[in-house]
């Protein structure tokens, strides 16, 4: 697995995109993003939809709610998976500036952070963002392998 500026890139494999989640619990959902806890409570998933935020205010309002939901659900002892496969890439200035505020607030406090991407171009974008943010992320196109890497060696969550 090559290292990409603090991010590990898992190339696509022949295996299916089947999720290894069990009994998912939705913490928050709007037209732009959904937050769930999966994999027996070990993984928080942030799944972006194909709907683009129309402006900075809508993006920040949505992600403030995402951050609050993650805070309520808990970060300690969990990993984070951000699924970016569905939306088209964006590089407009207001979006990039707003997301540079959002990313560290979402990523902080997790054991590991992974980003599920669609293509090698997505890996290049994540390489740039990882470098700018100074945060380590595992990046891959294979959901099964990425989830395995994120939850590896995490202790079981207490039932509650």
C-alpha atoms as a PDB file:
ATOM      1  CA  UNK A   1       0.000   0.000   0.000  1.00  0.00           C
ATOM      2  CA  UNK A   2       1.692   3.218  -1.097  1.00  0.00           C
ATOM      3  CA  UNK A   3       1.692   6.139   1.318  1.00  0.00           C
ATOM      4  CA  UNK A   4       0.192   9.380  -0.027  1.00  0.00           C
ATOM      5  CA  UNK A   5       1.187  12.289   2.269  1.00  0.00           C
ATOM      6  CA  UNK A   6      -0.158  10.654   5.390  1.00  0.00           C
ATOM      7  CA  UNK A   7      -2.895   8.839   3.481  1.00  0.00           C
ATOM      8  CA  UNK A   8      -2.855   5.202   2.458  1.00  0.00           C
ATOM      9  CA  UNK A   9      -4.338   4.481  -0.973  1.00  0.00           C
ATOM     10  CA  UNK A  10      -6.049   1.132  -1.477  1.00  0.00           C
ATOM     11  CA  UNK A  11      -6.432   0.459  -5.220  1.00  0.00           C
ATOM     12  CA  UNK A  12      -9.729  -1.007  -6.444  1.00  0.00           C
ATOM     13  CA  UNK A  13     -10.079  -4.761  -6.363  1.00  0.00           C
ATOM     14  CA  UNK A  14     -12.453  -7.207  -7.967  1.00  0.00           C
ATOM     15  CA  UNK A  15     -14.526  -7.642  -4.802  1.00  0.00           C
ATOM     16  CA  UNK A  16     -17.998  -6.173  -4.543  1.00  0.00           C
ATOM     17  CA  UNK A  17     -18.925  -2.917  -2.842  1.00  0.00           C
ATOM     18  CA  UNK A  18     -20.868  -4.804  -0.192  1.00  0.00           C
ATOM     19  CA  UNK A  19     -20.869  -3.030   3.131  1.00  0.00           C
ATOM     20  CA  UNK A  20     -19.879  -4.886   6.242  1.00  0.00           C
ATOM     21  CA  UNK A  21     -22.177  -2.778   8.395  1.00  0.00           C
ATOM     22  CA  UNK A  22     -24.415  -4.345  10.985  1.00  0.00           C
ATOM     23  CA  UNK A  23     -27.587  -2.718  12.330  1.00  0.00           C
ATOM     24  CA  UNK A  24     -26.844   0.841  11.188  1.00  0.00           C
ATOM     25  CA  UNK A  25     -28.055   3.718  13.314  1.00  0.00           C
ATOM     26  CA  UNK A  26     -28.719   7.076  11.639  1.00  0.00           C
ATOM     27  CA  UNK A  27     -27.480  10.014  13.740  1.00  0.00           C
ATOM     28  CA  UNK A  28     -28.325  12.743  11.229  1.00  0.00           C
ATOM     29  CA  UNK A  29     -29.595  13.068   7.688  1.00  0.00           C
ATOM     30  CA  UNK A  30     -30.423  15.904   5.309  1.00  0.00           C
ATOM     31  CA  UNK A  31     -30.490  16.186   1.527  1.00  0.00           C
ATOM     32  CA  UNK A  32     -26.696  16.640   1.405  1.00  0.00           C
ATOM     33  CA  UNK A  33     -25.280  14.175   3.917  1.00  0.00           C
ATOM     34  CA  UNK A  34     -26.149  11.271   6.208  1.00  0.00           C
ATOM     35  CA  UNK A  35     -24.318  10.200   9.380  1.00  0.00           C
ATOM     36  CA  UNK A  36     -24.603   6.619  10.665  1.00  0.00           C
ATOM     37  CA  UNK A  37     -22.901   4.411  13.227  1.00  0.00           C
ATOM     38  CA  UNK A  38     -22.143   0.960  11.792  1.00  0.00           C
ATOM     39  CA  UNK A  39     -19.948  -2.077  12.278  1.00  0.00           C
ATOM     40  CA  UNK A  40     -21.103  -2.851  15.820  1.00  0.00           C
ATOM     41  CA  UNK A  41     -20.558   0.762  16.850  1.00  0.00           C
ATOM     42  CA  UNK A  42     -16.921   0.918  15.743  1.00  0.00           C
ATOM     43  CA  UNK A  43     -17.407   3.115  12.689  1.00  0.00           C
ATOM     44  CA  UNK A  44     -19.047   6.484  12.111  1.00  0.00           C
ATOM     45  CA  UNK A  45     -19.963   6.942   8.443  1.00  0.00           C
ATOM     46  CA  UNK A  46     -20.477  10.308   6.804  1.00  0.00           C
ATOM     47  CA  UNK A  47     -22.065   9.700   3.395  1.00  0.00           C
ATOM     48  CA  UNK A  48     -22.358  12.610   0.981  1.00  0.00           C
ATOM     49  CA  UNK A  49     -25.276  12.674  -1.452  1.00  0.00           C
ATOM     50  CA  UNK A  50     -25.276  13.831  -5.080  1.00  0.00           C
ATOM     51  CA  UNK A  51     -27.028  17.070  -4.062  1.00  0.00           C
ATOM     52  CA  UNK A  52     -24.626  20.023  -3.923  1.00  0.00           C
ATOM     53  CA  UNK A  53     -24.891  22.668  -1.226  1.00  0.00           C
ATOM     54  CA  UNK A  54     -26.090  25.789  -3.069  1.00  0.00           C
ATOM     55  CA  UNK A  55     -23.954  28.213  -1.057  1.00  0.00           C
ATOM     56  CA  UNK A  56     -21.566  28.567   1.872  1.00  0.00           C
ATOM     57  CA  UNK A  57     -24.336  29.234   4.397  1.00  0.00           C
ATOM     58  CA  UNK A  58     -26.218  26.036   3.492  1.00  0.00           C
ATOM     59  CA  UNK A  59     -22.998  24.005   3.637  1.00  0.00           C
ATOM     60  CA  UNK A  60     -21.993  25.350   7.032  1.00  0.00           C
ATOM     61  CA  UNK A  61     -25.504  24.927   8.461  1.00  0.00           C
ATOM     62  CA  UNK A  62     -25.586  21.302   7.278  1.00  0.00           C
ATOM     63  CA  UNK A  63     -22.101  20.435   8.542  1.00  0.00           C
ATOM     64  CA  UNK A  64     -22.639  22.125  11.914  1.00  0.00           C
ATOM     65  CA  UNK A  65     -25.496  19.659  12.389  1.00  0.00           C
ATOM     66  CA  UNK A  66     -23.261  16.793  11.186  1.00  0.00           C
ATOM     67  CA  UNK A  67     -20.575  17.791  13.706  1.00  0.00           C
ATOM     68  CA  UNK A  68     -23.147  18.038  16.512  1.00  0.00           C
ATOM     69  CA  UNK A  69     -24.546  14.596  15.611  1.00  0.00           C
ATOM     70  CA  UNK A  70     -21.054  13.082  15.623  1.00  0.00           C
ATOM     71  CA  UNK A  71     -20.354  14.720  18.986  1.00  0.00           C
ATOM     72  CA  UNK A  72     -23.594  13.262  20.417  1.00  0.00           C
ATOM     73  CA  UNK A  73     -22.804   9.807  18.993  1.00  0.00           C
ATOM     74  CA  UNK A  74     -19.227   9.864  20.281  1.00  0.00           C
ATOM     75  CA  UNK A  75     -15.796   9.750  18.678  1.00  0.00           C
ATOM     76  CA  UNK A  76     -13.664   8.014  21.304  1.00  0.00           C
ATOM     77  CA  UNK A  77     -12.675   4.470  20.350  1.00  0.00           C
ATOM     78  CA  UNK A  78     -14.266   4.789  16.900  1.00  0.00           C
ATOM     79  CA  UNK A  79     -13.012   5.359  13.386  1.00  0.00           C
ATOM     80  CA  UNK A  80     -14.560   7.653  10.786  1.00  0.00           C
ATOM     81  CA  UNK A  81     -15.353   6.776   7.179  1.00  0.00           C
ATOM     82  CA  UNK A  82     -16.240   9.629   4.820  1.00  0.00           C
ATOM     83  CA  UNK A  83     -17.884   8.306   1.657  1.00  0.00           C
ATOM     84  CA  UNK A  84     -17.344  10.756  -1.201  1.00  0.00           C
ATOM     85  CA  UNK A  85     -18.118   8.434  -4.105  1.00  0.00           C
ATOM     86  CA  UNK A  86     -21.540   9.854  -5.015  1.00  0.00           C
ATOM     87  CA  UNK A  87     -21.082  13.638  -5.394  1.00  0.00           C
ATOM     88  CA  UNK A  88     -19.234  15.190  -8.318  1.00  0.00           C
ATOM     89  CA  UNK A  89     -15.978  16.864  -7.337  1.00  0.00           C
ATOM     90  CA  UNK A  90     -15.940  20.569  -6.612  1.00  0.00           C
ATOM     91  CA  UNK A  91     -13.205  23.131  -6.495  1.00  0.00           C
ATOM     92  CA  UNK A  92     -15.015  26.460  -6.338  1.00  0.00           C
ATOM     93  CA  UNK A  93     -13.329  28.815  -3.890  1.00  0.00           C
ATOM     94  CA  UNK A  94     -16.177  29.238  -1.371  1.00  0.00           C
ATOM     95  CA  UNK A  95     -16.658  25.454  -1.179  1.00  0.00           C
ATOM     96  CA  UNK A  96     -12.969  24.740  -0.589  1.00  0.00           C
ATOM     97  CA  UNK A  97     -12.710  27.481   2.046  1.00  0.00           C
ATOM     98  CA  UNK A  98     -15.796  26.268   3.902  1.00  0.00           C
ATOM     99  CA  UNK A  99     -14.645  22.637   3.795  1.00  0.00           C
ATOM    100  CA  UNK A 100     -11.222  23.612   5.147  1.00  0.00           C
ATOM    101  CA  UNK A 101     -13.116  24.790   8.250  1.00  0.00           C
ATOM    102  CA  UNK A 102     -15.337  21.668   8.321  1.00  0.00           C
ATOM    103  CA  UNK A 103     -12.801  18.850   7.791  1.00  0.00           C
ATOM    104  CA  UNK A 104     -10.733  19.200  10.993  1.00  0.00           C
ATOM    105  CA  UNK A 105     -13.892  19.584  13.081  1.00  0.00           C
ATOM    106  CA  UNK A 106     -15.297  16.358  11.683  1.00  0.00           C
ATOM    107  CA  UNK A 107     -12.025  14.380  11.702  1.00  0.00           C
ATOM    108  CA  UNK A 108     -10.800  15.212  15.218  1.00  0.00           C
ATOM    109  CA  UNK A 109     -11.027  12.686  18.020  1.00  0.00           C
ATOM    110  CA  UNK A 110     -11.331   9.508  15.945  1.00  0.00           C
ATOM    111  CA  UNK A 111      -8.855   6.639  16.163  1.00  0.00           C
ATOM    112  CA  UNK A 112      -8.545   6.614  12.354  1.00  0.00           C
ATOM    113  CA  UNK A 113     -10.110   8.555   9.492  1.00  0.00           C
ATOM    114  CA  UNK A 114     -10.728   7.070   6.068  1.00  0.00           C
ATOM    115  CA  UNK A 115     -12.063   8.564   2.866  1.00  0.00           C
ATOM    116  CA  UNK A 116     -13.823   6.368   0.330  1.00  0.00           C
ATOM    117  CA  UNK A 117     -13.257   7.753  -3.153  1.00  0.00           C
ATOM    118  CA  UNK A 118     -14.330   6.838  -6.672  1.00  0.00           C
ATOM    119  CA  UNK A 119     -11.094   7.152  -8.640  1.00  0.00           C
ATOM    120  CA  UNK A 120      -7.387   7.891  -8.743  1.00  0.00           C
ATOM    121  CA  UNK A 121      -8.306  11.554  -9.374  1.00  0.00           C
ATOM    122  CA  UNK A 122     -10.076  11.492  -6.011  1.00  0.00           C
ATOM    123  CA  UNK A 123      -6.867  10.163  -4.471  1.00  0.00           C
ATOM    124  CA  UNK A 124      -4.929  13.111  -5.916  1.00  0.00           C
ATOM    125  CA  UNK A 125      -7.489  15.538  -4.470  1.00  0.00           C
ATOM    126  CA  UNK A 126      -7.265  13.844  -1.053  1.00  0.00           C
ATOM    127  CA  UNK A 127      -3.472  13.980  -1.227  1.00  0.00           C
ATOM    128  CA  UNK A 128      -3.668  17.759  -1.666  1.00  0.00           C
ATOM    129  CA  UNK A 129      -6.252  18.169   1.115  1.00  0.00           C
ATOM    130  CA  UNK A 130      -4.304  15.916   3.495  1.00  0.00           C
ATOM    131  CA  UNK A 131      -1.217  18.012   2.890  1.00  0.00           C
ATOM    132  CA  UNK A 132      -3.125  21.286   3.436  1.00  0.00           C
ATOM    133  CA  UNK A 133      -4.938  20.061   6.560  1.00  0.00           C
ATOM    134  CA  UNK A 134      -1.956  18.292   8.104  1.00  0.00           C
ATOM    135  CA  UNK A 135      -4.286  15.423   9.061  1.00  0.00           C
ATOM    136  CA  UNK A 136      -3.706  11.744   8.396  1.00  0.00           C
ATOM    137  CA  UNK A 137      -6.381   9.934   6.396  1.00  0.00           C
ATOM    138  CA  UNK A 138      -6.559   6.470   4.873  1.00  0.00           C
ATOM    139  CA  UNK A 139      -7.848   6.794   1.309  1.00  0.00           C
ATOM    140  CA  UNK A 140      -9.252   4.019  -0.854  1.00  0.00           C
ATOM    141  CA  UNK A 141     -11.707   2.942  -3.517  1.00  0.00           C
ATOM    142  CA  UNK A 142     -12.491  -0.469  -2.040  1.00  0.00           C
ATOM    143  CA  UNK A 143     -15.040  -0.146   0.755  1.00  0.00           C
ATOM    144  CA  UNK A 144     -14.466  -3.585   2.268  1.00  0.00           C
ATOM    145  CA  UNK A 145     -10.681  -3.113   2.528  1.00  0.00           C
ATOM    146  CA  UNK A 146     -10.980   0.434   3.822  1.00  0.00           C
ATOM    147  CA  UNK A 147     -13.483  -0.525   6.527  1.00  0.00           C
ATOM    148  CA  UNK A 148     -11.233  -3.427   7.586  1.00  0.00           C
ATOM    149  CA  UNK A 149      -8.265  -1.069   7.907  1.00  0.00           C
ATOM    150  CA  UNK A 150     -10.307   1.466   9.888  1.00  0.00           C
ATOM    151  CA  UNK A 151     -11.711  -0.946  12.467  1.00  0.00           C
ATOM    152  CA  UNK A 152      -8.638  -3.182  12.762  1.00  0.00           C
ATOM    153  CA  UNK A 153      -7.600  -3.631  16.396  1.00  0.00           C
ATOM    154  CA  UNK A 154     -10.376  -1.427  17.796  1.00  0.00           C
ATOM    155  CA  UNK A 155     -11.752  -2.857  21.036  1.00  0.00           C
ATOM    156  CA  UNK A 156     -15.413  -3.923  20.978  1.00  0.00           C
ATOM    157  CA  UNK A 157     -17.911  -1.234  21.950  1.00  0.00           C
ATOM    158  CA  UNK A 158     -19.897  -1.802  25.131  1.00  0.00           C
ATOM    159  CA  UNK A 159     -23.509  -2.687  24.463  1.00  0.00           C
ATOM    160  CA  UNK A 160     -25.840  -0.048  25.657  1.00  0.00           C
END
